[in-house]
Protein backbone atom coordinates (compact mmCIF):
# COMPACT_ATOMS: atom_id res chain seq x y z
CA MET A 1 -21.22 2.20 -14.24
CA ASP A 2 -20.90 0.41 -17.57
CA ARG A 3 -18.63 -2.59 -17.56
CA ALA A 4 -16.92 -3.57 -20.79
CA ASP A 5 -17.14 -7.15 -21.99
CA PRO A 6 -13.71 -8.71 -21.15
CA ASP A 7 -13.64 -10.45 -24.53
CA ASP A 8 -14.21 -7.16 -26.37
CA THR A 9 -11.58 -5.38 -24.26
CA GLY A 10 -9.05 -8.14 -24.94
CA LYS A 11 -9.62 -8.02 -28.68
CA GLU A 12 -9.36 -4.23 -28.77
CA SER A 13 -6.17 -4.37 -26.73
CA CYS A 14 -4.62 -6.91 -29.11
CA ASP A 15 -5.54 -4.70 -32.05
CA LEU A 16 -4.02 -1.66 -30.34
CA HIS A 17 -0.75 -3.44 -29.60
CA ALA A 18 -0.55 -4.86 -33.12
CA THR A 19 -1.17 -1.46 -34.69
CA TYR A 20 1.61 0.26 -32.75
CA HIS A 21 3.92 -2.76 -32.22
CA GLY A 22 3.83 -2.11 -28.51
CA LYS A 23 3.29 1.07 -26.52
CA LEU A 24 6.79 2.47 -26.07
CA ALA A 25 9.30 4.32 -28.26
CA THR A 26 12.59 6.19 -27.86
CA VAL A 27 12.43 9.93 -28.65
CA SER A 28 15.43 12.24 -28.95
CA LYS A 29 15.54 15.27 -26.65
CA VAL A 30 17.93 17.19 -28.92
CA PRO A 31 17.82 18.15 -32.61
CA LEU A 32 19.97 16.45 -35.24
CA LEU A 33 19.38 18.83 -38.14
CA THR A 34 22.87 20.18 -38.79
CA ARG A 35 26.49 19.04 -38.67
CA ARG A 36 26.86 21.17 -35.54
CA ASP A 37 23.98 19.32 -33.89
CA LEU A 38 25.70 16.02 -34.68
CA SER A 39 29.06 17.19 -33.34
CA LEU A 40 27.47 18.28 -30.04
CA ALA A 41 25.25 15.23 -29.52
CA TYR A 42 27.84 12.71 -30.67
CA THR A 43 31.42 12.93 -31.88
CA PRO A 44 33.61 14.89 -31.24
CA GLY A 45 31.76 16.89 -28.57
CA VAL A 46 30.51 13.95 -26.53
CA ALA A 47 34.10 13.00 -25.63
CA ALA A 48 34.30 16.04 -23.36
CA VAL A 49 31.18 14.88 -21.52
CA CYS A 50 32.64 11.40 -21.09
CA ARG A 51 35.84 12.89 -19.63
CA GLU A 52 33.80 14.95 -17.15
CA ILE A 53 32.07 11.79 -15.90
CA ALA A 54 35.31 9.79 -15.83
CA SER A 55 36.94 12.47 -13.66
CA ASP A 56 33.95 12.66 -11.30
CA PRO A 57 31.32 9.86 -11.48
CA GLU A 58 28.77 12.13 -9.77
CA ASN A 59 28.60 14.08 -13.03
CA VAL A 60 26.65 11.18 -14.53
CA TRP A 61 23.56 12.60 -12.77
CA ARG A 62 24.12 15.96 -14.48
CA TYR A 63 24.98 14.86 -17.99
CA THR A 64 23.00 11.67 -18.71
CA LEU A 65 19.55 10.13 -18.66
CA LYS A 66 20.36 8.35 -15.37
CA ALA A 67 18.80 11.15 -13.32
CA ASN A 68 15.33 10.46 -14.67
CA THR A 69 15.32 6.83 -15.82
CA VAL A 70 13.97 3.69 -14.16
CA ALA A 71 14.39 0.07 -15.24
CA ILE A 72 11.28 -2.10 -14.90
CA VAL A 73 12.72 -5.56 -14.32
CA SER A 74 10.69 -8.78 -14.46
CA ASP A 75 11.20 -12.47 -15.11
CA GLY A 76 7.48 -12.96 -15.84
CA THR A 77 6.99 -15.52 -13.06
CA ALA A 78 4.07 -13.78 -11.33
CA VAL A 79 2.28 -11.52 -13.80
CA LEU A 80 -0.91 -10.15 -12.25
CA GLY A 81 -3.85 -12.42 -13.01
CA LEU A 82 -1.79 -14.59 -15.37
CA GLY A 83 0.87 -16.25 -13.21
CA ASN A 84 4.12 -17.65 -14.59
CA ILE A 85 3.89 -16.70 -18.27
CA GLY A 86 7.59 -16.00 -18.80
CA PRO A 87 9.59 -12.93 -19.81
CA LEU A 88 8.38 -12.68 -23.41
CA ALA A 89 4.70 -12.64 -22.49
CA ALA A 90 5.43 -10.18 -19.67
CA ILE A 91 6.71 -7.48 -22.06
CA PRO A 92 3.28 -5.86 -22.71
CA VAL A 93 2.68 -5.44 -18.98
CA MET A 94 6.12 -3.89 -18.42
CA GLU A 95 5.60 -1.58 -21.39
CA GLY A 96 2.33 -0.50 -19.82
CA LYS A 97 4.09 0.20 -16.54
CA ALA A 98 6.64 2.30 -18.42
CA ILE A 99 4.02 4.56 -19.97
CA LEU A 100 2.38 5.02 -16.56
CA PHE A 101 5.72 6.22 -15.17
CA LYS A 102 5.94 8.73 -18.01
CA GLU A 103 2.32 9.86 -17.91
CA PHE A 104 2.02 10.41 -14.16
CA ALA A 105 5.56 11.30 -13.05
CA GLY A 106 7.48 12.32 -16.18
CA ILE A 107 9.93 9.46 -15.60
CA ASP A 108 11.53 7.66 -18.53
CA ALA A 109 11.19 3.94 -17.85
CA PHE A 110 12.11 0.90 -19.89
CA PRO A 111 11.09 -2.78 -19.62
CA ILE A 112 13.89 -5.24 -18.90
CA CYS A 113 12.40 -8.74 -19.11
CA ILE A 114 14.96 -11.35 -18.06
CA ASP A 115 15.09 -15.10 -18.70
CA ALA A 116 17.34 -16.14 -15.82
CA ARG A 117 17.63 -17.75 -12.41
CA GLU A 118 17.52 -15.67 -9.22
CA ASP A 119 21.30 -15.29 -8.85
CA ASP A 120 21.59 -14.33 -12.50
CA ILE A 121 18.82 -11.73 -12.16
CA ILE A 122 20.72 -10.10 -9.32
CA ARG A 123 23.94 -10.16 -11.33
CA ILE A 124 22.23 -8.73 -14.43
CA ILE A 125 20.61 -5.90 -12.47
CA ARG A 126 23.94 -5.01 -10.89
CA GLY A 127 25.42 -4.99 -14.38
CA ILE A 128 22.87 -2.60 -15.89
CA ALA A 129 22.48 -0.34 -12.85
CA PRO A 130 24.94 2.35 -14.10
CA VAL A 131 22.38 3.45 -16.72
CA PHE A 132 19.42 3.83 -14.36
CA GLY A 133 18.44 6.10 -11.48
CA GLY A 134 16.13 3.46 -10.00
CA ILE A 135 15.05 -0.17 -10.36
CA ASN A 136 11.38 -1.17 -10.25
CA LEU A 137 11.14 -4.93 -9.70
CA GLU A 138 7.87 -6.22 -11.11
CA ASP A 139 5.89 -9.47 -11.33
CA ILE A 140 8.58 -11.71 -9.82
CA ALA A 141 7.24 -14.66 -7.83
CA ALA A 142 7.57 -14.95 -4.06
CA PRO A 143 9.73 -15.75 -2.21
CA ARG A 144 12.57 -14.91 -4.57
CA CYS A 145 11.19 -11.40 -5.14
CA PHE A 146 11.93 -10.72 -1.46
CA GLU A 147 15.45 -12.09 -1.72
CA ILE A 148 16.26 -10.21 -4.94
CA GLU A 149 15.08 -6.91 -3.47
CA GLU A 150 17.02 -7.45 -0.25
CA GLU A 151 20.24 -8.31 -2.11
CA LEU A 152 20.11 -5.12 -4.19
CA GLN A 153 19.65 -2.52 -1.46
CA ASP A 154 23.36 -1.67 -1.64
CA LEU A 155 23.22 -0.46 -5.27
CA GLY A 156 23.15 3.20 -4.31
CA ILE A 157 19.90 3.79 -6.24
CA PRO A 158 16.32 3.01 -5.19
CA VAL A 159 15.33 -0.62 -5.76
CA MET A 160 11.69 -1.41 -4.98
CA HIS A 161 9.46 -4.36 -5.75
CA ASP A 162 6.22 -2.56 -6.55
CA ASP A 163 4.00 -5.62 -6.17
CA GLN A 164 5.02 -5.55 -2.51
CA HIS A 165 5.40 -1.97 -1.45
CA GLY A 166 3.19 -0.16 -3.95
CA ALA A 167 0.32 -2.40 -2.94
CA ALA A 168 1.02 -1.99 0.78
CA VAL A 169 1.23 1.80 0.51
CA VAL A 170 -2.12 2.10 -1.28
CA VAL A 171 -3.82 -0.34 1.13
CA LEU A 172 -2.57 1.73 4.08
CA ALA A 173 -3.90 4.89 2.43
CA ALA A 174 -7.27 3.20 1.90
CA LEU A 175 -7.43 2.13 5.55
CA ILE A 176 -6.50 5.60 6.80
CA ASN A 177 -9.48 7.09 4.98
CA ALA A 178 -11.78 4.16 5.75
CA CYS A 179 -11.05 4.76 9.43
CA ARG A 180 -11.90 8.46 9.01
CA ILE A 181 -15.25 7.53 7.49
CA THR A 182 -16.21 4.79 9.96
CA GLY A 183 -14.91 6.54 13.09
CA ARG A 184 -12.17 4.03 13.80
CA ASN A 185 -8.52 4.39 14.76
CA LEU A 186 -5.85 2.54 12.83
CA ALA A 187 -4.26 1.34 16.07
CA ASP A 188 -7.51 -0.34 17.15
CA LEU A 189 -8.10 -2.37 14.00
CA ARG A 190 -8.32 -6.15 13.90
CA VAL A 191 -7.35 -7.19 10.37
CA VAL A 192 -7.54 -10.41 8.36
CA VAL A 193 -5.23 -10.73 5.34
CA CYS A 194 -5.80 -13.55 2.85
CA GLY A 195 -2.80 -14.27 0.63
CA VAL A 196 0.82 -13.90 1.72
CA GLY A 197 2.63 -13.65 -1.58
CA ALA A 198 4.48 -10.48 -2.51
CA ALA A 199 1.61 -8.05 -1.87
CA GLY A 200 0.18 -9.87 1.14
CA TYR A 201 3.51 -10.18 2.94
CA ALA A 202 4.30 -6.48 2.45
CA ILE A 203 0.80 -5.46 3.58
CA CYS A 204 1.16 -7.55 6.75
CA ARG A 205 4.60 -6.07 7.44
CA LEU A 206 3.40 -2.51 7.01
CA LEU A 207 0.17 -2.86 8.98
CA ARG A 208 1.91 -4.57 11.90
CA CYS A 209 5.11 -2.48 11.49
CA ILE A 210 7.27 -5.61 11.30
CA GLY A 211 10.84 -4.35 10.94
CA TYR A 212 9.67 -0.72 10.77
CA ASP A 213 10.87 2.14 12.95
CA PRO A 214 8.29 2.29 15.77
CA ASP A 215 8.51 6.10 15.75
CA ALA A 216 7.43 6.20 12.11
CA CYS A 217 4.85 3.42 11.97
CA THR A 218 1.53 2.83 13.75
CA PRO A 219 0.71 -0.90 14.05
CA VAL A 220 -2.83 -2.22 13.91
CA ARG A 221 -3.98 -3.94 17.07
CA GLU A 222 -4.17 -7.44 15.64
CA LEU A 223 -3.55 -9.08 12.28
CA ILE A 224 -4.26 -12.63 11.20
CA ALA A 225 -2.66 -13.80 7.96
CA CYS A 226 -3.99 -16.74 5.97
CA ASP A 227 -2.55 -18.77 3.12
CA THR A 228 -3.92 -21.74 1.16
CA THR A 229 -3.46 -23.95 4.24
CA GLY A 230 -5.41 -21.64 6.54
CA ILE A 231 -4.44 -19.36 9.41
CA ILE A 232 -0.72 -18.77 9.95
CA PHE A 233 0.25 -19.20 13.58
CA ARG A 234 3.45 -19.71 15.54
CA GLY A 235 4.39 -23.39 15.54
CA ARG A 236 2.24 -24.38 12.59
CA PRO A 237 3.75 -27.55 11.10
CA GLY A 238 6.09 -26.81 8.17
CA LEU A 239 6.11 -23.06 8.70
CA TYR A 240 9.87 -22.98 9.26
CA GLN A 241 10.39 -24.03 5.63
CA ASN A 242 9.44 -20.53 4.46
CA LYS A 243 11.24 -17.84 6.45
CA TYR A 244 8.78 -15.14 5.41
CA LYS A 245 5.76 -17.09 6.63
CA PHE A 246 7.77 -17.95 9.73
CA ILE A 247 8.22 -14.22 10.39
CA LEU A 248 4.47 -13.69 10.04
CA GLY A 249 3.80 -16.60 12.39
CA ASP A 250 6.10 -14.98 14.93
CA GLU A 251 4.89 -11.38 14.56
CA THR A 252 1.13 -11.70 13.99
CA ASN A 253 -1.87 -13.61 15.38
CA ARG A 254 -1.07 -13.01 19.03
CA GLU A 255 -4.28 -14.86 19.93
CA ALA A 256 -2.79 -17.97 18.30
CA ARG A 257 -5.94 -18.72 16.32
CA SER A 258 -5.84 -21.70 14.01
CA GLY A 259 -8.15 -23.16 11.43
CA SER A 260 -9.51 -22.08 8.08
CA LEU A 261 -9.91 -18.62 6.56
CA ALA A 262 -13.47 -18.52 7.93
CA ASP A 263 -12.12 -19.02 11.46
CA ALA A 264 -10.11 -15.79 11.14
CA PHE A 265 -13.15 -13.55 10.52
CA PRO A 266 -15.08 -13.42 13.82
CA GLY A 267 -14.46 -10.08 15.56
CA ALA A 268 -12.41 -8.57 12.72
CA ASP A 269 -12.84 -4.97 11.52
CA VAL A 270 -11.05 -5.33 8.18
CA PHE A 271 -10.60 -7.97 5.51
CA ILE A 272 -7.86 -7.56 2.89
CA GLY A 273 -7.78 -10.13 0.10
CA VAL A 274 -4.81 -10.52 -2.24
CA SER A 275 -5.46 -14.14 -3.10
CA GLY A 276 -8.09 -15.60 -5.42
CA PRO A 277 -11.71 -15.43 -6.55
CA GLY A 278 -14.73 -16.33 -4.47
CA LEU A 279 -12.97 -17.26 -1.23
CA VAL A 280 -15.15 -15.11 1.04
CA THR A 281 -18.81 -15.74 1.81
CA PRO A 282 -21.47 -13.38 3.19
CA GLU A 283 -21.49 -15.46 6.37
CA MET A 284 -17.81 -14.65 6.96
CA ILE A 285 -18.50 -10.93 6.69
CA GLN A 286 -21.51 -11.22 8.98
CA SER A 287 -19.23 -12.71 11.67
CA MET A 288 -17.06 -9.56 11.65
CA ASN A 289 -17.55 -6.49 13.82
CA PRO A 290 -20.32 -4.09 12.70
CA ALA A 291 -19.70 -1.98 9.58
CA PRO A 292 -16.58 -3.86 8.46
CA ILE A 293 -14.12 -2.67 5.81
CA ILE A 294 -13.65 -5.10 2.91
CA LEU A 295 -10.75 -4.70 0.46
CA SER A 296 -11.27 -7.62 -1.90
CA LEU A 297 -8.37 -7.13 -4.30
CA ALA A 298 -8.00 -10.35 -6.28
CA ASN A 299 -8.05 -9.62 -10.03
CA PRO A 300 -10.01 -9.95 -12.21
CA VAL A 301 -12.50 -11.68 -9.89
CA PRO A 302 -12.35 -10.55 -6.24
CA GLU A 303 -12.65 -12.75 -3.18
CA ILE A 304 -16.22 -11.48 -2.87
CA MET A 305 -18.09 -9.21 -5.26
CA PRO A 306 -18.86 -5.70 -3.92
CA GLU A 307 -22.65 -5.99 -4.07
CA GLU A 308 -22.57 -9.24 -2.12
CA ALA A 309 -20.21 -7.77 0.49
CA ARG A 310 -22.43 -4.73 0.99
CA ARG A 311 -25.54 -6.90 1.35
CA ALA A 312 -23.67 -8.82 4.07
CA GLY A 313 -23.13 -5.59 6.02
CA ALA A 314 -19.86 -4.13 4.74
CA ALA A 315 -19.66 -0.37 5.26
CA ILE A 316 -16.85 0.16 2.76
CA VAL A 317 -15.80 -2.10 -0.11
CA GLY A 318 -12.75 -1.73 -2.35
CA THR A 319 -11.46 -3.88 -5.19
CA GLY A 320 -8.58 -3.85 -7.63
CA ARG A 321 -10.91 -3.20 -10.56
CA SER A 322 -11.54 0.08 -12.35
CA ASP A 323 -15.23 -0.65 -12.95
CA PHE A 324 -16.14 -0.53 -9.24
CA PRO A 325 -15.78 2.32 -6.72
CA ASN A 326 -12.72 2.43 -4.47
CA GLN A 327 -10.15 0.98 -6.85
CA VAL A 328 -6.99 0.08 -4.93
CA ASN A 329 -4.41 0.62 -7.65
CA ASN A 330 -0.60 0.78 -7.39
CA VAL A 331 -0.52 3.65 -9.90
CA LEU A 332 -1.49 5.88 -6.97
CA ALA A 333 1.87 5.09 -5.35
CA PHE A 334 4.77 4.05 -7.58
CA PRO A 335 5.06 7.07 -9.92
CA GLY A 336 5.22 9.52 -7.02
CA LEU A 337 7.42 7.25 -4.91
CA PHE A 338 10.07 7.03 -7.61
CA ARG A 339 9.65 10.72 -8.59
CA GLY A 340 10.31 11.79 -5.02
CA ALA A 341 13.22 9.38 -4.62
CA LEU A 342 14.83 10.55 -7.87
CA ASP A 343 14.33 14.21 -7.01
CA ALA A 344 16.00 13.63 -3.63
CA ARG A 345 18.72 11.49 -5.20
CA ALA A 346 17.92 8.93 -2.52
CA ALA A 347 20.00 5.77 -2.37
CA ARG A 348 17.00 3.75 -1.14
CA ILE A 349 13.26 3.98 -0.72
CA THR A 350 12.97 3.76 3.05
CA ASP A 351 10.08 2.70 5.22
CA GLU A 352 9.58 6.33 6.24
CA MET A 353 9.24 7.30 2.57
CA LYS A 354 6.60 4.60 1.99
CA ILE A 355 4.57 5.70 5.01
CA ALA A 356 4.81 9.33 3.86
CA ALA A 357 3.49 8.24 0.47
CA ALA A 358 0.50 6.49 2.06
CA HIS A 359 -0.44 9.56 4.10
CA ALA A 360 -0.03 11.80 1.04
CA ILE A 361 -2.43 9.60 -0.97
CA ALA A 362 -4.98 9.53 1.86
CA GLY A 363 -4.63 13.25 2.55
CA TYR A 364 -5.11 14.16 -1.09
CA LEU A 365 -8.84 13.68 -0.53
CA THR A 366 -10.23 16.40 1.71
CA ASN A 367 -13.64 14.73 2.04
CA PRO A 368 -13.40 10.96 1.51
CA GLY A 369 -16.66 9.04 1.35
CA PRO A 370 -17.77 5.40 1.42
CA GLU A 371 -17.28 5.15 -2.35
CA THR A 372 -14.27 7.50 -2.54
CA ILE A 373 -11.72 6.33 0.00
CA LEU A 374 -8.92 6.85 -2.54
CA PRO A 375 -8.24 9.41 -5.27
CA ASP A 376 -9.04 8.58 -8.88
CA PRO A 377 -6.01 6.69 -10.27
CA ARG A 378 -6.15 8.98 -13.32
CA ASP A 379 -5.62 12.13 -11.24
CA HIS A 380 -2.16 13.44 -12.13
CA GLY A 381 -2.03 15.55 -8.97
CA VAL A 382 -1.66 12.48 -6.78
CA ALA A 383 1.86 11.67 -8.04
CA LYS A 384 2.94 15.27 -7.40
CA ALA A 385 1.63 15.15 -3.83
CA VAL A 386 3.28 11.79 -3.20
CA ALA A 387 6.58 12.93 -4.74
CA SER A 388 6.67 16.00 -2.51
CA ALA A 389 5.96 13.96 0.63
CA VAL A 390 8.51 11.29 -0.30
CA ARG A 391 11.19 13.88 -1.06
CA GLU A 392 10.61 15.55 2.33
CA ALA A 393 10.72 12.17 4.07
CA ALA A 394 14.02 11.37 2.35
CA VAL A 395 15.47 14.58 3.76
CA ARG A 396 14.16 13.85 7.26
CA CYS A 397 15.56 10.32 7.38
CA GLY A 398 18.93 11.31 5.91
CA GLU A 399 18.56 9.55 2.56
CA ALA A 400 18.56 12.66 0.35
CA ARG A 401 21.79 13.45 -1.48
CA LEU A 402 20.56 16.72 -3.00
């Protein structure tokens, strides 16, 4: 597969954005050609619509854009591959997310990039929520991304931090199919996760079913999480200072291993990297169980390059990049997740809905192979399958209001 020169791609992207002044525009759904058109769309006719909503707030879902609109909210503190670049520099990424919502799920989305502290972000989101049917939190640094999401679960509309749950859903889908190919069972897996920021924490939670309904979630046998200090284990000095790492120390690594990232690998079936470039060596992979599964997702440079991982014995290798097979990409999850939640008029995106999304993504492929463990991110049918599964899950778990 041809791989574009990053410098050329960057220049072309800058030219594209400059030509169009961004990627997003507002388009009217109704004509404004006559006086009658104007009187229906605006004054005096619109007053009747306002009175209908004032008399019954539920009518807002019938008469306004709320039913099909999502806010993409970021403070620019953790933009993928770029770090803390601030809300202004984050706008192009959020615009890109908006057009993905529209392209794959028909959802109108708009970037809301906020220059504010955590408490102010929560207050601002609460303030703008009447306009939107859902809130997609994006590129907000851990741990405050966890706290913001938790605080907003009472809004009455779905609020989901995609860097957490979108990533976890697609990783679970990848593992489901990787198990089918390699003859493993999810419940028997021994997993190493490197990186416990937003994505890593959510992946650990989902794979070990931490806080999940045990009837809806199948935990892997063992999971060892690693951060920049090394293996996370119960009682590690300083762990109590971060409640999310403390939870991982309490709920994972039942063998109480300690040491470096390399010390986590012996006997593992799966490695999942959401950390940084070049952290994994061939020797680490060779210490794993035979035919290991390697999801090396750091962008743009993975923890280990696919060719090197395969030479070291990996049976299946996935990355976050589009120029290698098995791209683990959130676009497989978030459009369908929000489409299904909006269609069900769900107040939240529940754990059951996320798990349903993962199985829908995995099941979309009838014959997965070593280089096709996930559908092509450009396949529009994936979002439809995910939306249907999420909508059904919302009904089953009592979240649907339609």
